[in-house]
Amino acid sequence: MNVSRKLGILVFFAVPAIIGGGITYHIFDGNYVPVLIYETLLLSIAGAYFSK
């Protein structure tokens, strides 16, 4: 996998991490634990793509 593809995947997962983290924070009334779980799931999915 070349560098440009890896950067594209990073951007593809960075946008949902920022927007989805804020939405998750708001839905759970300012609790960071669900945000941490959401971010961990995104990170593990992105890691699976990088490991290919």
N, C-alpha and C. Protein backbone atom coordinates (compact mmCIF):
# COMPACT_ATOMS: atom_id res chain seq x y z
N MET A 1 0.85 -1.16 0.00
CA MET A 1 0.00 0.00 0.00
C MET A 1 0.91 1.24 0.00
N ASN A 2 0.65 2.14 -0.93
CA ASN A 2 1.52 3.31 -1.03
C ASN A 2 1.11 4.40 -0.03
N VAL A 3 1.94 5.42 0.05
CA VAL A 3 1.76 6.47 1.06
C VAL A 3 0.49 7.27 0.81
N SER A 4 0.18 7.57 -0.44
CA SER A 4 -1.01 8.37 -0.71
C SER A 4 -2.29 7.63 -0.31
N ARG A 5 -2.31 6.33 -0.50
CA ARG A 5 -3.48 5.56 -0.09
C ARG A 5 -3.61 5.55 1.44
N LYS A 6 -2.49 5.43 2.15
CA LYS A 6 -2.53 5.45 3.61
C LYS A 6 -3.01 6.80 4.12
N LEU A 7 -2.57 7.88 3.50
CA LEU A 7 -3.03 9.20 3.92
C LEU A 7 -4.51 9.38 3.62
N GLY A 8 -4.98 8.84 2.52
CA GLY A 8 -6.41 8.90 2.20
C GLY A 8 -7.25 8.17 3.23
N ILE A 9 -6.79 7.02 3.66
CA ILE A 9 -7.50 6.26 4.69
C ILE A 9 -7.49 7.04 6.00
N LEU A 10 -6.39 7.68 6.31
CA LEU A 10 -6.30 8.49 7.53
C LEU A 10 -7.31 9.62 7.51
N VAL A 11 -7.43 10.32 6.40
CA VAL A 11 -8.41 11.40 6.28
C VAL A 11 -9.83 10.84 6.33
N PHE A 12 -10.03 9.70 5.69
CA PHE A 12 -11.35 9.07 5.68
C PHE A 12 -11.82 8.72 7.09
N PHE A 13 -10.91 8.36 7.98
CA PHE A 13 -11.28 8.03 9.35
C PHE A 13 -11.16 9.21 10.31
N ALA A 14 -10.45 10.26 9.92
CA ALA A 14 -10.30 11.41 10.81
C ALA A 14 -11.57 12.23 10.87
N VAL A 15 -12.25 12.38 9.76
CA VAL A 15 -13.48 13.18 9.74
C VAL A 15 -14.56 12.55 10.61
N PRO A 16 -14.86 11.26 10.50
CA PRO A 16 -15.86 10.68 11.41
C PRO A 16 -15.41 10.69 12.87
N ALA A 17 -14.11 10.65 13.10
CA ALA A 17 -13.63 10.68 14.48
C ALA A 17 -13.94 12.03 15.12
N ILE A 18 -13.73 13.10 14.38
CA ILE A 18 -13.97 14.44 14.93
C ILE A 18 -15.47 14.70 15.06
N ILE A 19 -16.20 14.49 13.99
CA ILE A 19 -17.64 14.79 14.00
C ILE A 19 -18.39 13.79 14.88
N GLY A 20 -18.09 12.52 14.72
CA GLY A 20 -18.78 11.50 15.50
C GLY A 20 -18.45 11.58 16.99
N GLY A 21 -17.23 11.98 17.31
CA GLY A 21 -16.87 12.15 18.71
C GLY A 21 -17.68 13.25 19.37
N GLY A 22 -17.88 14.34 18.65
CA GLY A 22 -18.70 15.44 19.18
C GLY A 22 -20.16 15.05 19.33
N ILE A 23 -20.68 14.32 18.35
CA ILE A 23 -22.07 13.87 18.44
C ILE A 23 -22.24 12.88 19.59
N THR A 24 -21.31 11.97 19.74
CA THR A 24 -21.37 11.00 20.84
C THR A 24 -21.28 11.70 22.19
N TYR A 25 -20.41 12.69 22.29
CA TYR A 25 -20.27 13.46 23.53
C TYR A 25 -21.59 14.16 23.88
N HIS A 26 -22.24 14.72 22.87
CA HIS A 26 -23.49 15.43 23.11
C HIS A 26 -24.63 14.47 23.48
N ILE A 27 -24.71 13.33 22.80
CA ILE A 27 -25.78 12.38 23.06
C ILE A 27 -25.70 11.82 24.48
N PHE A 28 -24.49 11.57 24.96
CA PHE A 28 -24.32 10.99 26.30
C PHE A 28 -24.07 12.05 27.36
N ASP A 29 -24.52 13.27 27.13
CA ASP A 29 -24.52 14.37 28.12
C ASP A 29 -23.16 14.64 28.73
N GLY A 30 -22.14 14.75 27.90
CA GLY A 30 -20.83 15.16 28.38
C GLY A 30 -20.01 14.07 29.03
N ASN A 31 -20.32 12.83 28.77
CA ASN A 31 -19.56 11.72 29.33
C ASN A 31 -18.51 11.28 28.30
N TYR A 32 -17.27 11.21 28.72
CA TYR A 32 -16.19 10.88 27.80
C TYR A 32 -15.98 9.39 27.56
N VAL A 33 -16.56 8.54 28.38
CA VAL A 33 -16.36 7.10 28.23
C VAL A 33 -16.92 6.58 26.90
N PRO A 34 -18.15 6.94 26.52
CA PRO A 34 -18.63 6.48 25.20
C PRO A 34 -17.82 7.06 24.05
N VAL A 35 -17.30 8.26 24.21
CA VAL A 35 -16.45 8.86 23.17
C VAL A 35 -15.16 8.05 23.04
N LEU A 36 -14.59 7.65 24.14
CA LEU A 36 -13.38 6.84 24.13
C LEU A 36 -13.63 5.49 23.45
N ILE A 37 -14.78 4.89 23.73
CA ILE A 37 -15.13 3.61 23.09
C ILE A 37 -15.31 3.80 21.59
N TYR A 38 -15.98 4.87 21.19
CA TYR A 38 -16.20 5.16 19.77
C TYR A 38 -14.87 5.38 19.05
N GLU A 39 -14.00 6.16 19.66
CA GLU A 39 -12.70 6.44 19.05
C GLU A 39 -11.84 5.17 18.97
N THR A 40 -11.93 4.31 19.97
CA THR A 40 -11.17 3.07 19.96
C THR A 40 -11.65 2.14 18.84
N LEU A 41 -12.96 2.09 18.63
CA LEU A 41 -13.49 1.28 17.54
C LEU A 41 -13.02 1.80 16.19
N LEU A 42 -13.05 3.11 15.99
CA LEU A 42 -12.57 3.68 14.74
C LEU A 42 -11.08 3.41 14.55
N LEU A 43 -10.32 3.53 15.60
CA LEU A 43 -8.88 3.29 15.52
C LEU A 43 -8.59 1.83 15.17
N SER A 44 -9.35 0.91 15.73
CA SER A 44 -9.12 -0.50 15.42
C SER A 44 -9.50 -0.83 13.97
N ILE A 45 -10.56 -0.21 13.46
CA ILE A 45 -10.94 -0.42 12.06
C ILE A 45 -9.89 0.17 11.14
N ALA A 46 -9.41 1.35 11.45
CA ALA A 46 -8.35 1.97 10.63
C ALA A 46 -7.08 1.13 10.70
N GLY A 47 -6.76 0.58 11.85
CA GLY A 47 -5.59 -0.28 11.98
C GLY A 47 -5.71 -1.54 11.15
N ALA A 48 -6.92 -2.06 11.04
CA ALA A 48 -7.14 -3.24 10.20
C ALA A 48 -6.87 -2.91 8.73
N TYR A 49 -7.26 -1.73 8.29
CA TYR A 49 -6.98 -1.32 6.91
C TYR A 49 -5.48 -1.12 6.68
N PHE A 50 -4.80 -0.56 7.68
CA PHE A 50 -3.35 -0.33 7.52
C PHE A 50 -2.55 -1.62 7.52
N SER A 51 -3.06 -2.64 8.18
CA SER A 51 -2.30 -3.88 8.29
C SER A 51 -2.34 -4.71 7.01
N LYS A 52 -3.22 -4.36 6.08
CA LYS A 52 -3.32 -5.11 4.81
C LYS A 52 -2.08 -4.95 3.98
